[in-house]
Amino acid sequence: MLANTPQARTVLERFPAGHPRGSWPADEYAAAQGAQGTDAHVVMDLASDQFLAVANTTPQ
């Protein structure tokens, strides 16, 4: 059985959800980070109404 442990994340950059291009700037940033070797992806933070480019981090 797998433990349901939340994964730690590091917020790399924040982008306003009201941007005219929507999540594209966040997606482009995450893709650029991926090209540099950082496994980044975009999530929506509903509480702050922002798109976040995040990377998974290893808990210490």
Protein backbone atom coordinates (compact mmCIF):
# COMPACT_ATOMS: atom_id res chain seq x y z
CA MET A 1 0.00 0.00 0.00
CA LEU A 2 1.29 3.47 -0.92
CA ALA A 3 1.39 6.24 1.63
CA ASN A 4 -0.58 9.35 0.71
CA THR A 5 2.18 11.83 1.51
CA PRO A 6 2.02 15.31 -0.01
CA GLN A 7 4.99 16.13 -2.19
CA ALA A 8 7.05 19.19 -1.33
CA ARG A 9 7.16 21.85 -4.04
CA THR A 10 9.18 24.95 -4.64
CA VAL A 11 7.46 27.91 -6.30
CA LEU A 12 9.80 29.16 -9.02
CA GLU A 13 7.65 32.03 -10.32
CA ARG A 14 4.12 33.46 -10.02
CA PHE A 15 1.92 34.72 -12.85
CA PRO A 16 -1.42 36.57 -12.51
CA ALA A 17 -4.42 34.55 -13.66
CA GLY A 18 -5.92 37.68 -15.20
CA HIS A 19 -3.14 37.94 -17.78
CA PRO A 20 -4.55 38.40 -21.31
CA ARG A 21 -2.70 35.29 -22.47
CA GLY A 22 -3.96 33.17 -19.56
CA SER A 23 -1.50 30.51 -18.41
CA TRP A 24 0.77 30.80 -21.47
CA PRO A 25 3.48 32.89 -19.74
CA ALA A 26 3.60 30.36 -16.90
CA ASP A 27 3.69 27.45 -19.36
CA GLU A 28 6.47 29.11 -21.35
CA TYR A 29 8.47 29.73 -18.17
CA ALA A 30 8.05 26.11 -17.04
CA ALA A 31 9.14 24.87 -20.49
CA ALA A 32 12.23 27.10 -20.35
CA GLN A 33 13.08 25.72 -16.91
CA GLY A 34 12.64 22.20 -18.30
CA ALA A 35 15.09 23.00 -21.10
CA GLN A 36 17.61 23.97 -18.40
CA GLY A 37 17.12 20.69 -16.53
CA THR A 38 14.57 21.68 -13.88
CA ASP A 39 11.42 19.56 -13.92
CA ALA A 40 8.87 22.38 -13.63
CA HIS A 41 5.13 22.40 -14.22
CA VAL A 42 2.23 24.84 -13.79
CA VAL A 43 -0.47 24.69 -11.14
CA MET A 44 -3.30 27.09 -10.33
CA ASP A 45 -3.41 28.62 -6.86
CA LEU A 46 -7.08 29.48 -6.42
CA ALA A 47 -6.54 31.32 -3.12
CA SER A 48 -4.19 33.89 -4.70
CA ASP A 49 -5.69 33.71 -8.24
CA GLN A 50 -2.27 33.00 -9.74
CA PHE A 51 -0.61 30.42 -11.93
CA LEU A 52 2.49 29.03 -10.24
CA ALA A 53 5.48 27.48 -11.97
CA VAL A 54 6.61 24.86 -9.46
CA ALA A 55 9.28 22.20 -9.16
CA ASN A 56 9.07 19.13 -6.97
CA THR A 57 11.64 19.11 -4.20
CA THR A 58 13.02 16.27 -2.10
CA PRO A 59 12.06 16.54 1.58
CA GLN A 60 15.07 16.57 3.89
